[in-house]
Amino acid sequence: MSSTAQSVATAFCGWPAPTTATIYEDKQQQQQNTKDETTLAIPRSLLHQLIQDHHTVYHMEHRDHPNLLARVLVALHELGANQAQLINGYYKVYPDLVPLLQTSIEQRVLTDDSWLEHLGDPKYYRPYLTFFQRKIEEYGMDQVVQQYFFDSPLSSSIGSQLQPIVHMAFGLEYDMPDVVTQGLAYLATTFVDVASLLNVDDEEEEEDHSSNERQRRLSTTTTTTMDHESLLFDMIAADPRFGGRMDGTNTFHSALKVLIKSQQSLLGMYMRQNATQVRLQDLVTLAARLIPCTKQAHRLDWFLGGGQLLASALAIQYLMERFEKQYNNKKLVRLQFLATLCTFIVQGRPTRPPTSHYDARYVHSEQQQQQQLSWDSCGSTVVASGDPKSVLILQSLVKARRLYGNGEEEGCYLDIANFIAGFVQRADGAWCKTDDRSVR
């Protein structure tokens, strides 16, 4: 066992055991459970060494491969992984980590007067890391996030499919300042400004009364999850103005920049007509429903099916709750809505997934075909696989269930959990980009 793997094993042996009742069981089962449940708490010391070891060594993202190490290890622990499964998870993520190159730029010092000058330049990751780390040491996480995220252009960035916001929120939730520092530096170096597409209220206030009435009638077309699906799979999918390939330099981030630049007016029209009444809960459910958007059961879309949109919606939910008193968070909900539209377009506007996502094609045994797997069984299956994307998807589904899991949504989330459990059991399962290259 390598020294790194040994440190993973040593660290996680000290974590409190996750309570499966807290994660999976329904409310009636929880009420019947008389065991003393231990609240999941992440002591500061457990991931500190690993995070510090990687802090200035690896890219936060390299050609569509984000650094998921800390998030995957925490997710595995929350889902009940044992020591061997945690180490397996580490080695599933490690091959995707790309070392940062030593450059003269890393010696440059950013200040309050200069930090905005290099937004969107990945070469400045280390200077941004140093800048935000210094600020957090001086003012604390919440104050720095308020000043350099909410009160800055960073809150209007759609770069890297909002995964920098996911990373930052993850650091806040688990009280890991180094991770918040990484998230802010990640945000700054992947910056793509979409502020003009988010300020739809400001534009409406400038219109006359009749125009406002017409706008309100148009904006009522997407007030439910089903309407959001119709917008994507009926209206945008059929809009010929979104035709053509937008591959940029063959990464999602570059393709997204091409789309924003070339179709800003058209995207603005869809935002004005649909974004003013959008609800985050609907976007969470829509993100889950998009996961099975695939032409073949064993090939899942890297960006629609990989759980990024679900993770970003839940991260925004967390930020809204944590900073509820300080900010009006409509802009963040619209940012999630825009990210959903753009991801759907960049990924080739796939066809609508089946109404029920659970399908006997995705499972193997006759017993599994007779009934859905429970949350517990889905968790055990995904954790055993160690597949990083699937682990994070299941963790997000569990969180979504806790927040919104009542009625139809409960069934939807369990359907997707079964879908992912079936996917990881397939020997030929693969995550694919738009060019159909297997990347798993």
Protein backbone atom coordinates (compact mmCIF):
# COMPACT_ATOMS: atom_id res chain seq x y z
CA MET A 1 0.00 0.00 0.00
CA SER A 2 1.39 3.41 -0.92
CA SER A 3 1.96 6.11 1.69
CA THR A 4 -0.93 8.14 0.27
CA ALA A 5 -3.33 5.21 0.44
CA GLN A 6 -2.15 4.50 3.97
CA SER A 7 -2.91 8.09 4.97
CA VAL A 8 -6.40 7.74 3.49
CA ALA A 9 -6.99 4.57 5.50
CA THR A 10 -5.64 6.09 8.71
CA ALA A 11 -7.67 9.27 8.34
CA PHE A 12 -11.00 7.63 7.65
CA CYS A 13 -10.65 5.11 10.47
CA GLY A 14 -11.30 8.04 12.79
CA TRP A 15 -14.57 9.10 11.19
CA PRO A 16 -17.85 8.36 12.92
CA ALA A 17 -19.63 5.48 11.24
CA PRO A 18 -22.39 6.69 8.88
CA THR A 19 -25.90 5.79 9.93
CA THR A 20 -27.69 4.07 7.05
CA ALA A 21 -31.04 5.00 8.59
CA THR A 22 -30.12 8.66 8.25
CA ILE A 23 -29.20 8.15 4.59
CA TYR A 24 -31.70 5.69 3.17
CA GLU A 25 -34.68 4.71 5.31
CA ASP A 26 -38.05 6.33 4.90
CA LYS A 27 -39.69 8.37 7.64
CA GLN A 28 -41.64 5.46 9.15
CA GLN A 29 -38.54 3.32 9.38
CA GLN A 30 -36.63 6.19 10.96
CA GLN A 31 -39.33 6.59 13.60
CA GLN A 32 -39.09 2.87 14.43
CA ASN A 33 -35.32 2.95 14.70
CA THR A 34 -34.44 3.11 18.38
CA LYS A 35 -30.67 3.03 17.92
CA ASP A 36 -28.52 5.93 19.02
CA GLU A 37 -27.75 7.72 15.76
CA THR A 38 -24.44 9.50 15.42
CA THR A 39 -24.57 12.75 13.48
CA LEU A 40 -22.11 12.82 10.60
CA ALA A 41 -19.43 15.34 11.47
CA ILE A 42 -16.20 16.00 9.60
CA PRO A 43 -13.40 16.83 12.05
CA ARG A 44 -11.04 19.43 10.63
CA SER A 45 -8.03 17.12 10.79
CA LEU A 46 -9.34 14.20 8.73
CA LEU A 47 -8.91 15.47 5.16
CA HIS A 48 -6.58 18.32 6.06
CA GLN A 49 -3.35 16.51 5.19
CA LEU A 50 -4.63 15.17 1.88
CA ILE A 51 -6.01 18.55 0.85
CA GLN A 52 -2.79 20.29 1.81
CA ASP A 53 -0.76 17.72 -0.12
CA HIS A 54 -2.81 18.46 -3.24
CA HIS A 55 -3.41 22.16 -2.57
CA THR A 56 -0.78 23.64 -4.90
CA VAL A 57 0.17 20.47 -6.78
CA TYR A 58 -2.77 19.60 -9.03
CA HIS A 59 -5.08 21.44 -11.41
CA MET A 60 -8.64 21.92 -10.20
CA GLU A 61 -9.66 20.98 -13.74
CA HIS A 62 -7.81 19.82 -16.83
CA ARG A 63 -9.65 19.26 -20.12
CA ASP A 64 -13.04 18.51 -18.55
CA HIS A 65 -11.58 16.44 -15.71
CA PRO A 66 -12.23 18.26 -12.40
CA ASN A 67 -10.35 17.36 -9.25
CA LEU A 68 -13.04 15.42 -7.38
CA LEU A 69 -10.84 13.75 -4.78
CA ALA A 70 -12.08 15.40 -1.58
CA ARG A 71 -15.74 15.32 -2.66
CA VAL A 72 -15.63 11.66 -3.67
CA LEU A 73 -13.98 10.54 -0.43
CA VAL A 74 -16.52 12.42 1.69
CA ALA A 75 -19.40 11.09 -0.43
CA LEU A 76 -18.13 7.51 -0.08
CA HIS A 77 -17.94 7.92 3.67
CA GLU A 78 -21.46 9.35 3.88
CA LEU A 79 -22.77 6.46 1.80
CA GLY A 80 -21.27 3.88 4.15
CA ALA A 81 -18.02 2.88 2.44
CA ASN A 82 -15.56 0.73 4.36
CA GLN A 83 -11.83 1.34 4.48
CA ALA A 84 -11.05 -0.77 1.39
CA GLN A 85 -13.77 1.01 -0.62
CA LEU A 86 -12.41 4.42 0.40
CA ILE A 87 -8.95 3.44 -0.81
CA ASN A 88 -10.48 2.07 -4.02
CA GLY A 89 -12.28 5.38 -4.49
CA TYR A 90 -9.01 7.25 -4.08
CA TYR A 91 -7.37 5.23 -6.83
CA LYS A 92 -10.37 5.72 -9.12
CA VAL A 93 -9.89 9.51 -8.92
CA TYR A 94 -6.10 9.77 -8.76
CA PRO A 95 -5.37 8.97 -12.47
CA ASP A 96 -7.40 12.04 -13.53
CA LEU A 97 -5.33 14.46 -11.44
CA VAL A 98 -2.95 16.56 -13.54
CA PRO A 99 0.06 18.25 -11.90
CA LEU A 100 0.39 22.00 -12.17
CA LEU A 101 3.40 23.15 -14.17
CA GLN A 102 5.92 25.48 -12.60
CA THR A 103 5.71 28.91 -14.29
CA SER A 104 6.94 32.42 -13.60
CA ILE A 105 3.33 33.61 -13.31
CA GLU A 106 2.87 31.80 -10.01
CA GLN A 107 5.26 34.28 -8.40
CA ARG A 108 2.99 37.21 -9.20
CA VAL A 109 1.10 38.71 -6.29
CA LEU A 110 -2.53 39.68 -6.75
CA THR A 111 -4.04 42.54 -4.76
CA ASP A 112 -7.49 44.04 -4.27
CA ASP A 113 -6.65 46.42 -7.09
CA SER A 114 -5.46 43.79 -9.55
CA TRP A 115 -7.32 40.53 -8.85
CA LEU A 116 -10.08 41.27 -11.39
CA GLU A 117 -7.59 41.84 -14.22
CA HIS A 118 -6.82 38.17 -14.84
CA LEU A 119 -10.26 36.54 -14.57
CA GLY A 120 -10.61 33.62 -16.97
CA ASP A 121 -6.86 32.98 -17.25
CA PRO A 122 -6.04 29.46 -15.97
CA LYS A 123 -2.34 30.32 -15.76
CA TYR A 124 -3.15 32.46 -12.72
CA TYR A 125 -4.55 29.60 -10.62
CA ARG A 126 -1.68 29.64 -8.11
CA PRO A 127 -1.68 33.45 -7.67
CA TYR A 128 -5.45 33.34 -7.11
CA LEU A 129 -4.99 30.47 -4.67
CA THR A 130 -2.50 32.51 -2.67
CA PHE A 131 -4.68 35.63 -2.83
CA PHE A 132 -7.86 33.94 -1.55
CA GLN A 133 -6.01 31.90 1.04
CA ARG A 134 -4.56 35.09 2.49
CA LYS A 135 -8.01 36.68 2.58
CA ILE A 136 -9.64 33.69 4.30
CA GLU A 137 -6.90 33.58 6.92
CA GLU A 138 -7.56 37.25 7.61
CA TYR A 139 -11.36 37.49 7.41
CA GLY A 140 -12.80 33.96 7.51
CA MET A 141 -14.69 31.93 4.92
CA ASP A 142 -18.12 33.58 5.03
CA GLN A 143 -16.90 37.16 4.79
CA VAL A 144 -14.57 36.31 1.90
CA VAL A 145 -17.32 34.46 0.02
CA GLN A 146 -19.64 37.42 0.54
CA GLN A 147 -17.10 39.94 -0.76
CA TYR A 148 -15.38 37.98 -3.51
CA PHE A 149 -18.29 35.87 -4.74
CA PHE A 150 -21.67 37.48 -4.03
CA ASP A 151 -20.42 41.07 -4.31
CA SER A 152 -18.16 40.47 -7.31
CA PRO A 153 -18.43 39.36 -10.95
CA LEU A 154 -17.67 35.76 -9.90
CA SER A 155 -21.35 35.22 -9.02
CA SER A 156 -22.19 35.81 -12.70
CA SER A 157 -19.78 33.20 -14.09
CA ILE A 158 -21.04 30.09 -15.86
CA GLY A 159 -17.55 28.68 -16.41
CA SER A 160 -16.87 24.94 -16.17
CA GLN A 161 -20.57 24.08 -15.82
CA LEU A 162 -20.74 25.77 -12.36
CA GLN A 163 -18.44 23.14 -10.83
CA PRO A 164 -16.29 25.84 -9.17
CA ILE A 165 -19.40 26.90 -7.22
CA VAL A 166 -19.97 23.26 -6.26
CA HIS A 167 -16.43 23.01 -4.93
CA MET A 168 -16.69 26.27 -3.00
CA ALA A 169 -20.03 25.30 -1.44
CA PHE A 170 -18.62 21.90 -0.52
CA GLY A 171 -15.80 23.59 1.38
CA LEU A 172 -18.24 25.82 3.23
CA GLU A 173 -20.57 22.95 4.12
CA TYR A 174 -17.79 20.80 5.55
CA ASP A 175 -15.83 23.67 7.10
CA MET A 176 -12.69 23.23 4.98
CA PRO A 177 -11.12 26.65 4.27
CA ASP A 178 -8.53 25.25 1.85
CA VAL A 179 -11.32 23.82 -0.31
CA VAL A 180 -13.15 27.17 -0.30
CA THR A 181 -9.87 28.77 -1.41
CA GLN A 182 -9.60 26.25 -4.24
CA GLY A 183 -13.20 26.90 -5.27
CA LEU A 184 -12.69 30.66 -5.48
CA ALA A 185 -9.45 30.28 -7.45
CA TYR A 186 -11.22 27.76 -9.70
CA LEU A 187 -14.03 30.28 -10.24
CA ALA A 188 -11.62 33.08 -11.09
CA THR A 189 -9.59 31.07 -13.61
CA THR A 190 -12.62 29.60 -15.44
CA PHE A 191 -14.55 32.88 -15.48
CA VAL A 192 -17.17 33.27 -18.24
CA ASP A 193 -19.29 36.37 -17.72
CA VAL A 194 -23.04 35.97 -18.30
CA ALA A 195 -24.26 38.91 -16.19
CA SER A 196 -26.17 40.41 -19.11
CA LEU A 197 -28.17 37.18 -19.47
CA LEU A 198 -29.08 37.06 -15.79
CA ASN A 199 -30.38 40.61 -15.27
CA VAL A 200 -33.78 39.98 -16.82
CA ASP A 201 -35.61 41.89 -14.07
CA ASP A 202 -33.59 45.02 -14.79
CA GLU A 203 -34.57 44.87 -18.44
CA GLU A 204 -38.25 44.38 -17.66
CA GLU A 205 -38.32 47.44 -15.42
CA GLU A 206 -37.25 49.56 -18.38
CA GLU A 207 -40.09 48.38 -20.60
CA ASP A 208 -43.49 50.03 -20.76
CA HIS A 209 -46.59 48.55 -19.11
CA SER A 210 -47.87 46.72 -22.16
CA SER A 211 -44.52 45.09 -22.80
CA ASN A 212 -44.36 43.95 -19.20
CA GLU A 213 -47.80 42.37 -19.46
CA ARG A 214 -46.74 40.53 -22.61
CA GLN A 215 -43.50 39.41 -20.93
CA ARG A 216 -45.34 38.06 -17.90
CA ARG A 217 -47.61 36.00 -20.14
CA LEU A 218 -44.57 34.55 -21.90
CA SER A 219 -42.74 33.83 -18.66
CA THR A 220 -45.53 31.58 -17.36
CA THR A 221 -44.53 28.87 -19.83
CA THR A 222 -41.99 27.29 -17.46
CA THR A 223 -43.31 27.35 -13.93
CA THR A 224 -43.20 23.58 -13.41
CA THR A 225 -40.69 20.82 -13.98
CA MET A 226 -42.69 19.36 -16.86
CA ASP A 227 -42.75 22.78 -18.52
CA HIS A 228 -38.99 23.02 -18.13
CA GLU A 229 -38.68 19.67 -19.87
CA SER A 230 -40.96 20.86 -22.66
CA LEU A 231 -38.81 23.95 -23.10
CA LEU A 232 -35.73 21.80 -23.60
CA PHE A 233 -37.06 18.82 -25.53
CA ASP A 234 -39.72 20.58 -27.60
CA MET A 235 -38.78 24.22 -28.11
CA ILE A 236 -34.98 24.37 -27.89
CA ALA A 237 -34.49 20.94 -29.45
CA ALA A 238 -36.50 22.08 -32.48
CA ASP A 239 -34.97 25.57 -32.78
CA PRO A 240 -32.79 25.50 -35.93
CA ARG A 241 -30.89 28.58 -34.80
CA PHE A 242 -29.00 26.39 -32.30
CA GLY A 243 -27.73 24.14 -35.09
CA GLY A 244 -24.06 23.57 -35.81
CA ARG A 245 -21.17 22.19 -33.83
CA MET A 246 -19.72 24.25 -30.97
CA ASP A 247 -16.70 22.24 -29.94
CA GLY A 248 -14.20 25.08 -29.45
CA THR A 249 -10.94 23.32 -28.56
CA ASN A 250 -12.81 20.08 -27.88
CA THR A 251 -13.61 20.78 -24.22
CA PHE A 252 -16.95 21.63 -22.71
CA HIS A 253 -15.66 24.91 -21.30
CA SER A 254 -14.47 26.11 -24.70
CA ALA A 255 -17.69 24.99 -26.40
CA LEU A 256 -19.68 26.86 -23.77
CA LYS A 257 -17.74 30.06 -24.50
CA VAL A 258 -18.44 29.65 -28.21
CA LEU A 259 -22.17 29.23 -27.52
CA ILE A 260 -22.36 32.27 -25.22
CA LYS A 261 -20.53 34.45 -27.74
CA SER A 262 -22.32 33.29 -30.89
CA GLN A 263 -25.87 32.93 -29.54
CA GLN A 264 -26.08 35.54 -26.80
CA SER A 265 -29.13 37.28 -28.29
CA LEU A 266 -31.02 34.01 -28.75
CA LEU A 267 -30.15 32.82 -25.24
CA GLY A 268 -31.22 36.21 -23.94
CA MET A 269 -34.61 35.78 -25.56
CA TYR A 270 -35.14 32.41 -23.87
CA MET A 271 -34.00 33.84 -20.54
CA ARG A 272 -36.38 36.81 -20.76
CA GLN A 273 -39.28 34.57 -21.64
CA ASN A 274 -38.64 31.83 -19.10
CA ALA A 275 -36.24 32.72 -16.29
CA THR A 276 -38.22 35.20 -14.22
CA GLN A 277 -40.45 32.62 -12.49
CA VAL A 278 -38.15 29.61 -12.42
CA ARG A 279 -37.91 27.70 -9.12
CA LEU A 280 -34.76 26.01 -7.89
CA GLN A 281 -36.70 22.94 -6.77
CA ASP A 282 -37.86 22.41 -10.35
CA LEU A 283 -34.28 22.74 -11.60
CA VAL A 284 -33.08 20.13 -9.11
CA THR A 285 -35.68 17.65 -10.35
CA LEU A 286 -34.99 18.54 -13.98
CA ALA A 287 -31.25 17.96 -13.47
CA ALA A 288 -32.03 14.49 -12.10
CA ARG A 289 -34.34 13.71 -15.02
CA LEU A 290 -31.62 14.66 -17.51
CA ILE A 291 -29.20 12.02 -16.21
CA PRO A 292 -30.62 9.17 -18.36
CA CYS A 293 -30.42 11.24 -21.58
CA THR A 294 -28.56 8.61 -23.55
CA LYS A 295 -28.94 6.74 -26.79
CA GLN A 296 -27.57 3.52 -25.33
CA ALA A 297 -28.08 2.13 -21.84
CA HIS A 298 -24.36 1.58 -21.29
CA ARG A 299 -23.08 4.95 -22.57
CA LEU A 300 -23.93 7.97 -20.43
CA ASP A 301 -23.39 11.60 -21.39
CA TRP A 302 -20.39 13.01 -19.51
CA PHE A 303 -22.04 16.40 -18.88
CA LEU A 304 -25.81 15.78 -18.84
CA GLY A 305 -25.63 12.37 -17.16
CA GLY A 306 -22.63 12.99 -14.93
CA GLY A 307 -24.55 14.76 -12.19
CA GLN A 308 -22.86 18.15 -12.55
CA LEU A 309 -26.13 20.05 -12.99
CA LEU A 310 -27.68 18.26 -10.03
CA ALA A 311 -24.64 19.06 -7.89
CA SER A 312 -24.65 22.73 -8.90
CA ALA A 313 -28.38 23.12 -8.18
CA LEU A 314 -27.89 21.64 -4.71
CA ALA A 315 -24.81 23.80 -4.11
CA ILE A 316 -26.83 26.89 -4.97
CA GLN A 317 -29.55 25.69 -2.60
CA TYR A 318 -26.96 25.45 0.16
CA LEU A 319 -25.54 28.93 -0.56
CA MET A 320 -29.03 30.42 -0.60
CA GLU A 321 -29.78 28.94 2.82
CA ARG A 322 -26.43 29.94 4.33
CA PHE A 323 -26.53 33.53 3.06
CA GLU A 324 -30.31 33.98 3.00
CA LYS A 325 -30.37 37.17 5.07
CA GLN A 326 -27.61 38.95 3.17
CA TYR A 327 -28.57 38.44 -0.46
CA ASN A 328 -31.39 38.19 -2.95
CA ASN A 329 -30.44 34.95 -4.67
CA LYS A 330 -32.66 35.14 -7.76
CA LYS A 331 -29.54 35.59 -9.87
CA LEU A 332 -28.08 32.27 -8.74
CA VAL A 333 -31.29 30.43 -9.64
CA ARG A 334 -31.18 32.01 -13.10
CA LEU A 335 -27.52 31.04 -13.40
CA GLN A 336 -28.50 27.42 -12.79
CA PHE A 337 -31.31 27.73 -15.34
CA LEU A 338 -28.91 29.17 -17.94
CA ALA A 339 -26.34 26.43 -17.22
CA THR A 340 -29.05 23.83 -17.84
CA LEU A 341 -30.03 25.39 -21.17
CA CYS A 342 -26.41 25.74 -22.31
CA THR A 343 -25.44 22.20 -21.30
CA PHE A 344 -28.41 20.79 -23.20
CA ILE A 345 -27.46 22.76 -26.32
CA VAL A 346 -23.70 22.09 -26.20
CA GLN A 347 -24.35 18.36 -25.76
CA GLY A 348 -26.31 18.20 -28.99
CA ARG A 349 -29.89 18.58 -27.72
CA PRO A 350 -30.60 14.88 -27.01
CA THR A 351 -34.03 13.29 -27.12
CA ARG A 352 -36.36 13.16 -24.12
CA PRO A 353 -35.59 10.35 -21.66
CA PRO A 354 -38.28 7.73 -20.88
CA THR A 355 -41.00 8.68 -18.41
CA SER A 356 -39.86 5.95 -16.02
CA HIS A 357 -36.08 5.79 -15.86
CA TYR A 358 -35.97 2.39 -14.19
CA ASP A 359 -35.68 -0.25 -16.89
CA ALA A 360 -34.94 -3.97 -16.80
CA ARG A 361 -32.23 -3.37 -19.43
CA TYR A 362 -30.05 -1.83 -16.74
CA VAL A 363 -30.09 -4.74 -14.28
CA HIS A 364 -29.00 -8.33 -14.60
CA SER A 365 -30.64 -10.72 -12.17
CA GLU A 366 -34.25 -11.90 -12.41
CA GLN A 367 -34.85 -10.82 -8.82
CA GLN A 368 -33.75 -7.26 -9.61
CA GLN A 369 -36.05 -7.18 -12.62
CA GLN A 370 -39.07 -7.94 -10.44
CA GLN A 371 -38.76 -4.84 -8.28
CA GLN A 372 -36.75 -1.70 -7.81
CA LEU A 373 -33.71 -1.70 -5.62
CA SER A 374 -34.06 0.14 -2.31
CA TRP A 375 -32.02 3.23 -1.52
CA ASP A 376 -29.77 1.06 0.65
CA SER A 377 -29.15 -1.45 -2.14
CA CYS A 378 -28.47 1.30 -4.67
CA GLY A 379 -25.97 2.84 -2.27
CA SER A 380 -24.17 -0.45 -1.65
CA THR A 381 -23.95 -1.16 -5.37
CA VAL A 382 -22.58 2.26 -6.31
CA VAL A 383 -20.13 2.41 -3.39
CA ALA A 384 -18.77 -1.03 -4.30
CA SER A 385 -18.11 0.16 -7.85
CA GLY A 386 -16.08 3.16 -6.71
CA ASP A 387 -17.06 5.02 -9.90
CA PRO A 388 -16.49 8.69 -8.94
CA LYS A 389 -19.30 10.23 -10.99
CA SER A 390 -21.82 7.62 -9.89
CA VAL A 391 -20.84 8.05 -6.23
CA LEU A 392 -21.37 11.81 -6.44
CA ILE A 393 -24.66 11.37 -8.30
CA LEU A 394 -26.01 9.07 -5.61
CA GLN A 395 -24.91 11.46 -2.86
CA SER A 396 -26.72 14.28 -4.70
CA LEU A 397 -29.86 12.16 -5.12
CA VAL A 398 -29.87 11.44 -1.39
CA LYS A 399 -29.59 15.17 -0.67
CA ALA A 400 -32.32 16.00 -3.20
CA ARG A 401 -34.58 13.42 -1.59
CA ARG A 402 -34.07 15.00 1.81
CA LEU A 403 -34.88 18.46 0.48
CA TYR A 404 -37.67 17.74 -2.00
CA GLY A 405 -38.44 14.03 -1.78
CA ASN A 406 -42.20 13.96 -1.51
CA GLY A 407 -44.78 12.67 -3.93
CA GLU A 408 -43.64 12.32 -7.53
CA GLU A 409 -40.13 13.58 -6.84
CA GLU A 410 -39.46 10.73 -4.40
CA GLY A 411 -40.14 8.19 -7.13
CA CYS A 412 -38.09 10.14 -9.64
CA TYR A 413 -35.01 10.20 -7.42
CA LEU A 414 -35.27 6.48 -6.66
CA ASP A 415 -35.71 5.74 -10.38
CA ILE A 416 -32.46 7.57 -11.15
CA ALA A 417 -30.67 5.81 -8.27
CA ASN A 418 -31.72 2.47 -9.78
CA PHE A 419 -30.61 3.65 -13.21
CA ILE A 420 -27.12 4.52 -11.89
CA ALA A 421 -26.87 1.29 -9.89
CA GLY A 422 -27.63 -0.65 -13.07
CA PHE A 423 -25.12 1.38 -15.04
CA VAL A 424 -22.18 0.66 -12.71
CA GLN A 425 -22.97 -3.07 -12.83
CA ARG A 426 -22.48 -3.21 -16.57
CA ALA A 427 -19.08 -4.38 -17.73
CA ASP A 428 -19.38 -2.21 -20.85
CA GLY A 429 -20.61 0.93 -19.05
CA ALA A 430 -18.83 4.11 -20.13
CA TRP A 431 -19.00 7.89 -19.77
CA CYS A 432 -18.89 9.54 -23.18
CA LYS A 433 -18.55 13.05 -24.57
CA THR A 434 -20.30 14.36 -27.67
CA ASP A 435 -17.76 12.79 -30.00
CA ASP A 436 -18.74 9.35 -28.61
CA ARG A 437 -15.27 8.67 -27.24
CA SER A 438 -15.32 6.47 -24.17
CA VAL A 439 -13.67 8.15 -21.20
CA ARG A 440 -14.37 5.65 -18.44
